[in-house]
Amino acid sequence: MSEDGRKNERIAGYLGIAQRAGKIAAGDEAVLKNLSSPQVFMVIVATDAATDVKKKILDVISKSKYNKQITCIQWNTKIALGHMVGKSQRGALAVLDEGFAKAIKKLMDE
């Protein structure tokens, strides 16, 4: 397996564990709903999410008083993101735990 493949597997593992721990908001509406609280530390938007969804999420993050703590990235597809958290396709995920968010960001930065 390639280095990128291993990295994706590890990120998927963190997202799956976070989901089982109740620390993931999955789907555009769930992400937008949670962005008004201080519990969001990372937002992952699928690269193939609709342009208006991406724009709406980025706009809400930029206006949030908690935006300094939120890492926002575009990564993978809707089908892959949904699969990683045991759901159907999802355009966005919010990580609701600082430890998981930091671990995922560290992997993505490698």
Protein backbone atom coordinates (compact mmCIF):
# COMPACT_ATOMS: atom_id res chain seq x y z
CA MET A 1 0.00 0.00 0.00
CA SER A 2 1.24 3.49 -0.80
CA GLU A 3 2.12 6.04 1.86
CA ASP A 4 -1.01 8.06 0.93
CA GLY A 5 -3.12 4.91 1.23
CA ARG A 6 -1.78 4.22 4.71
CA LYS A 7 -2.37 7.83 5.71
CA ASN A 8 -5.97 7.70 4.43
CA GLU A 9 -6.54 4.46 6.35
CA ARG A 10 -5.26 6.03 9.57
CA ILE A 11 -7.42 9.14 9.10
CA ALA A 12 -10.43 6.90 8.36
CA GLY A 13 -9.64 4.99 11.56
CA TYR A 14 -9.62 8.17 13.64
CA LEU A 15 -12.89 9.31 12.07
CA GLY A 16 -14.50 5.93 12.74
CA ILE A 17 -13.41 5.93 16.38
CA ALA A 18 -14.58 9.53 16.78
CA GLN A 19 -17.96 8.56 15.29
CA ARG A 20 -18.35 5.66 17.72
CA ALA A 21 -17.42 8.04 20.57
CA GLY A 22 -20.16 10.47 19.47
CA LYS A 23 -17.62 13.11 18.43
CA ILE A 24 -18.63 13.50 14.77
CA ALA A 25 -21.44 15.56 13.26
CA ALA A 26 -22.05 13.99 9.84
CA GLY A 27 -23.76 15.81 7.00
CA ASP A 28 -24.10 19.40 5.87
CA GLU A 29 -27.01 20.30 8.14
CA ALA A 30 -25.47 18.63 11.21
CA VAL A 31 -22.20 20.48 10.60
CA LEU A 32 -23.94 23.84 10.14
CA LYS A 33 -26.02 23.26 13.29
CA ASN A 34 -22.92 22.52 15.37
CA LEU A 35 -20.85 25.46 14.07
CA SER A 36 -22.63 27.84 16.44
CA SER A 37 -21.11 26.05 19.43
CA PRO A 38 -17.55 25.86 20.75
CA GLN A 39 -17.42 22.07 20.30
CA VAL A 40 -16.31 22.05 16.62
CA PHE A 41 -12.54 21.76 16.15
CA MET A 42 -12.35 20.57 12.53
CA VAL A 43 -14.62 20.54 9.50
CA ILE A 44 -13.89 18.23 6.58
CA VAL A 45 -15.75 19.12 3.39
CA ALA A 46 -15.83 16.57 0.57
CA THR A 47 -14.08 17.73 -2.58
CA ASP A 48 -17.19 16.80 -4.59
CA ALA A 49 -19.65 18.57 -2.27
CA ALA A 50 -21.90 21.09 -3.98
CA THR A 51 -20.34 24.53 -4.39
CA ASP A 52 -23.18 26.22 -2.49
CA VAL A 53 -22.70 23.80 0.43
CA LYS A 54 -18.97 24.53 0.58
CA LYS A 55 -19.63 28.27 0.43
CA LYS A 56 -22.32 28.15 3.13
CA ILE A 57 -20.09 26.17 5.51
CA LEU A 58 -17.10 28.47 4.92
CA ASP A 59 -19.30 31.55 5.43
CA VAL A 60 -20.67 30.23 8.72
CA ILE A 61 -17.15 29.34 9.92
CA SER A 62 -15.81 32.79 9.02
CA LYS A 63 -18.63 34.45 10.99
CA SER A 64 -18.39 32.13 13.98
CA LYS A 65 -16.85 33.55 17.13
CA TYR A 66 -15.09 30.18 17.45
CA ASN A 67 -13.52 30.28 13.97
CA LYS A 68 -9.95 30.58 15.31
CA GLN A 69 -10.13 27.05 16.72
CA ILE A 70 -11.73 25.44 13.63
CA THR A 71 -9.52 23.79 11.03
CA CYS A 72 -11.40 23.51 7.74
CA ILE A 73 -10.15 21.25 4.96
CA GLN A 74 -11.44 19.85 1.69
CA TRP A 75 -10.65 16.17 1.42
CA ASN A 76 -11.88 13.00 -0.22
CA THR A 77 -15.33 12.32 -1.70
CA LYS A 78 -18.82 12.34 -0.22
CA ILE A 79 -19.04 8.56 -0.56
CA ALA A 80 -15.67 8.05 1.18
CA LEU A 81 -16.47 10.46 4.03
CA GLY A 82 -19.79 8.76 4.68
CA HIS A 83 -18.19 5.31 4.55
CA MET A 84 -15.52 6.35 7.07
CA VAL A 85 -18.18 7.14 9.66
CA GLY A 86 -20.49 4.24 8.80
CA LYS A 87 -23.12 6.28 6.99
CA SER A 88 -24.31 6.98 3.47
CA GLN A 89 -22.53 9.72 1.54
CA ARG A 90 -21.88 12.93 3.47
CA GLY A 91 -20.77 16.28 2.08
CA ALA A 92 -19.18 17.39 5.33
CA LEU A 93 -18.09 16.14 8.73
CA ALA A 94 -17.40 18.11 11.90
CA VAL A 95 -14.97 16.72 14.47
CA LEU A 96 -16.24 17.58 17.94
CA ASP A 97 -13.14 16.63 19.91
CA GLU A 98 -9.89 18.57 20.02
CA GLY A 99 -7.71 15.47 20.41
CA PHE A 100 -9.16 13.73 17.35
CA ALA A 101 -8.96 16.98 15.34
CA LYS A 102 -5.28 17.47 16.23
CA ALA A 103 -4.41 13.85 15.40
CA ILE A 104 -6.17 14.04 12.02
CA LYS A 105 -4.57 17.39 11.17
CA LYS A 106 -1.13 16.03 12.07
CA LEU A 107 -1.64 13.10 9.69
CA MET A 108 -2.89 15.36 6.92
CA ASP A 109 0.10 17.66 7.31
CA GLU A 110 2.61 14.80 6.95
